[in-house]
Each structure stands twice: as C-alpha cells, then as structure tokens.
C-alpha cells in the first residue's frame, strides 16, 4: 500500500466539508474525531496508526 499525500488528503477533506450536507453532522463529528486522534498520537515506525474503536466512539459522541 502506497502512502497517501497529506496535502491531497487535506484537500479532499476540505472539499468534502464544503460540499457536504449540513444535516449529517455525525459525519463531521466522526471526521473531527479521526483528525484529532491522528494529530494527537504518534505513528508506528512503519507509518501506521492504531486507533481503538472505543476512542473514536467516545470522541464522536462528545462532538455530536
């Protein structure tokens, strides 16, 4: 699996946020949770990041 270009990913996220329907705020909460978790944690030497589902759930509920 090839690594993703962070600028390309960020551009796609911004496009999604700008074009997305505002009624689906749980999607925004999920996205914010994932971004926060990625920023706050250190990746493994191979570039992967393990994110426990309960951490995502906790944050999504808090944001939503």
N, C-alpha and C. Protein backbone atom coordinates (compact mmCIF):
# COMPACT_ATOMS: atom_id res chain seq x y z
N UNK A 1 0.85 -1.17 0.00
CA UNK A 1 0.00 0.00 0.00
C UNK A 1 0.89 1.24 0.00
N UNK A 2 0.65 2.14 -0.94
CA UNK A 2 1.46 3.35 -1.02
C UNK A 2 0.95 4.41 -0.07
N UNK A 3 1.85 5.19 0.52
CA UNK A 3 1.42 6.25 1.44
C UNK A 3 0.62 7.32 0.70
N UNK A 4 -0.31 7.91 1.42
CA UNK A 4 -1.13 8.97 0.85
C UNK A 4 -0.41 10.31 1.00
N UNK A 5 -0.61 11.18 0.05
CA UNK A 5 -0.06 12.52 0.12
C UNK A 5 -0.91 13.34 1.08
N UNK A 6 -0.33 13.84 2.17
CA UNK A 6 -1.12 14.58 3.17
C UNK A 6 -1.84 15.80 2.59
N UNK A 7 -1.21 16.48 1.64
CA UNK A 7 -1.84 17.65 1.04
C UNK A 7 -3.07 17.24 0.23
N UNK A 8 -2.97 16.13 -0.49
CA UNK A 8 -4.09 15.63 -1.26
C UNK A 8 -5.23 15.22 -0.34
N UNK A 9 -4.91 14.54 0.75
CA UNK A 9 -5.93 14.13 1.71
C UNK A 9 -6.61 15.36 2.31
N UNK A 10 -5.83 16.35 2.71
CA UNK A 10 -6.40 17.57 3.29
C UNK A 10 -7.30 18.29 2.29
N UNK A 11 -6.88 18.33 1.05
CA UNK A 11 -7.69 18.96 0.01
C UNK A 11 -9.03 18.25 -0.17
N UNK A 12 -9.00 16.94 -0.15
CA UNK A 12 -10.24 16.17 -0.29
C UNK A 12 -11.15 16.36 0.91
N UNK A 13 -10.57 16.45 2.09
CA UNK A 13 -11.37 16.67 3.30
C UNK A 13 -12.05 18.03 3.24
N UNK A 14 -11.31 19.05 2.84
CA UNK A 14 -11.90 20.39 2.72
C UNK A 14 -13.01 20.39 1.69
N UNK A 15 -12.80 19.73 0.57
CA UNK A 15 -13.83 19.63 -0.46
C UNK A 15 -15.07 18.94 0.08
N UNK A 16 -14.88 17.88 0.83
CA UNK A 16 -16.00 17.16 1.44
C UNK A 16 -16.77 18.05 2.39
N UNK A 17 -16.04 18.79 3.22
CA UNK A 17 -16.69 19.68 4.19
C UNK A 17 -17.46 20.81 3.50
N UNK A 18 -16.90 21.33 2.41
CA UNK A 18 -17.56 22.42 1.70
C UNK A 18 -18.78 21.97 0.93
N UNK A 19 -18.75 20.75 0.42
CA UNK A 19 -19.86 20.29 -0.42
C UNK A 19 -20.86 19.40 0.32
N UNK A 20 -20.51 18.99 1.53
CA UNK A 20 -21.37 18.08 2.27
C UNK A 20 -22.63 18.74 2.79
N UNK A 21 -23.65 17.93 2.98
CA UNK A 21 -24.89 18.43 3.55
C UNK A 21 -24.69 18.68 5.04
N UNK A 22 -25.25 19.76 5.53
CA UNK A 22 -25.07 20.12 6.93
C UNK A 22 -25.95 19.32 7.88
N UNK A 23 -26.92 18.58 7.35
CA UNK A 23 -27.79 17.80 8.22
C UNK A 23 -27.06 16.58 8.79
N UNK A 24 -26.01 16.15 8.13
CA UNK A 24 -25.29 14.95 8.55
C UNK A 24 -24.13 15.32 9.47
N UNK A 25 -24.44 15.93 10.59
CA UNK A 25 -23.38 16.42 11.46
C UNK A 25 -22.60 15.29 12.13
N UNK A 26 -23.17 14.08 12.19
CA UNK A 26 -22.41 12.98 12.76
C UNK A 26 -21.20 12.65 11.89
N UNK A 27 -21.31 12.90 10.59
CA UNK A 27 -20.16 12.68 9.72
C UNK A 27 -19.06 13.67 10.04
N UNK A 28 -19.41 14.90 10.27
CA UNK A 28 -18.42 15.91 10.66
C UNK A 28 -17.80 15.54 12.00
N UNK A 29 -18.60 15.09 12.95
CA UNK A 29 -18.09 14.68 14.27
C UNK A 29 -17.12 13.52 14.11
N UNK A 30 -17.44 12.57 13.23
CA UNK A 30 -16.55 11.43 13.00
C UNK A 30 -15.24 11.89 12.38
N UNK A 31 -15.34 12.77 11.42
CA UNK A 31 -14.14 13.29 10.76
C UNK A 31 -13.27 14.05 11.76
N UNK A 32 -13.87 14.91 12.56
CA UNK A 32 -13.11 15.66 13.55
C UNK A 32 -12.44 14.73 14.56
N UNK A 33 -13.15 13.70 14.97
CA UNK A 33 -12.58 12.73 15.91
C UNK A 33 -11.36 12.05 15.31
N UNK A 34 -11.47 11.61 14.07
CA UNK A 34 -10.34 10.95 13.42
C UNK A 34 -9.15 11.88 13.24
N UNK A 35 -9.41 13.10 12.84
CA UNK A 35 -8.33 14.07 12.66
C UNK A 35 -7.65 14.34 14.00
N UNK A 36 -8.41 14.58 15.04
CA UNK A 36 -7.83 14.84 16.36
C UNK A 36 -6.99 13.67 16.85
N UNK A 37 -7.49 12.46 16.67
CA UNK A 37 -6.75 11.28 17.11
C UNK A 37 -5.44 11.16 16.32
N UNK A 38 -5.49 11.41 15.04
CA UNK A 38 -4.27 11.32 14.21
C UNK A 38 -3.24 12.38 14.62
N UNK A 39 -3.70 13.57 14.93
CA UNK A 39 -2.80 14.65 15.32
C UNK A 39 -2.19 14.40 16.71
N UNK A 40 -2.98 13.85 17.61
CA UNK A 40 -2.56 13.69 19.00
C UNK A 40 -1.68 12.46 19.24
N UNK A 41 -1.62 11.53 18.31
CA UNK A 41 -0.89 10.28 18.53
C UNK A 41 0.29 10.15 17.57
N UNK A 42 1.26 9.37 18.00
CA UNK A 42 2.46 9.13 17.21
C UNK A 42 2.28 7.86 16.39
N UNK A 43 2.73 7.92 15.16
CA UNK A 43 2.63 6.75 14.30
C UNK A 43 3.72 5.74 14.65
N UNK A 44 3.49 4.51 14.28
CA UNK A 44 4.47 3.44 14.45
C UNK A 44 5.61 3.66 13.45
N UNK A 45 6.73 2.99 13.63
CA UNK A 45 7.85 3.14 12.69
C UNK A 45 7.48 2.86 11.23
N UNK A 46 6.48 2.01 11.02
CA UNK A 46 6.07 1.71 9.64
C UNK A 46 5.08 2.73 9.09
N UNK A 47 4.74 3.76 9.89
CA UNK A 47 3.82 4.80 9.44
C UNK A 47 2.37 4.55 9.77
N UNK A 48 2.07 3.40 10.35
CA UNK A 48 0.68 3.09 10.69
C UNK A 48 0.30 3.72 12.02
N UNK A 49 -0.99 3.83 12.24
CA UNK A 49 -1.52 4.36 13.50
C UNK A 49 -2.69 3.49 13.92
N UNK A 50 -2.58 2.89 15.08
CA UNK A 50 -3.65 2.08 15.61
C UNK A 50 -4.60 2.96 16.39
N UNK A 51 -5.87 2.92 16.02
CA UNK A 51 -6.88 3.75 16.68
C UNK A 51 -7.98 2.83 17.22
N UNK A 52 -8.08 2.72 18.53
CA UNK A 52 -9.14 1.88 19.11
C UNK A 52 -10.53 2.44 18.78
N UNK A 53 -11.43 1.56 18.45
CA UNK A 53 -12.79 1.96 18.09
C UNK A 53 -13.46 2.71 19.25
N UNK A 54 -13.19 2.29 20.48
CA UNK A 54 -13.82 2.96 21.62
C UNK A 54 -13.35 4.41 21.75
N UNK A 55 -12.13 4.71 21.30
CA UNK A 55 -11.66 6.10 21.32
C UNK A 55 -12.42 6.94 20.29
N UNK A 56 -12.63 6.38 19.11
CA UNK A 56 -13.40 7.08 18.09
C UNK A 56 -14.83 7.31 18.60
N UNK A 57 -15.42 6.28 19.14
CA UNK A 57 -16.80 6.37 19.63
C UNK A 57 -16.94 7.44 20.70
N UNK A 58 -16.04 7.44 21.65
CA UNK A 58 -16.07 8.41 22.74
C UNK A 58 -16.03 9.84 22.20
N UNK A 59 -15.15 10.08 21.27
CA UNK A 59 -15.00 11.43 20.72
C UNK A 59 -16.19 11.84 19.85
N UNK A 60 -16.67 10.91 19.03
CA UNK A 60 -17.82 11.24 18.18
C UNK A 60 -19.01 11.63 19.03
N UNK A 61 -19.28 10.87 20.07
CA UNK A 61 -20.39 11.19 20.97
C UNK A 61 -20.18 12.55 21.62
N UNK A 62 -18.97 12.84 22.04
CA UNK A 62 -18.67 14.13 22.67
C UNK A 62 -18.86 15.29 21.69
N UNK A 63 -18.44 15.11 20.44
CA UNK A 63 -18.56 16.19 19.44
C UNK A 63 -19.99 16.34 18.94
N UNK A 64 -20.70 15.25 18.85
CA UNK A 64 -22.04 15.27 18.29
C UNK A 64 -23.01 15.84 19.29
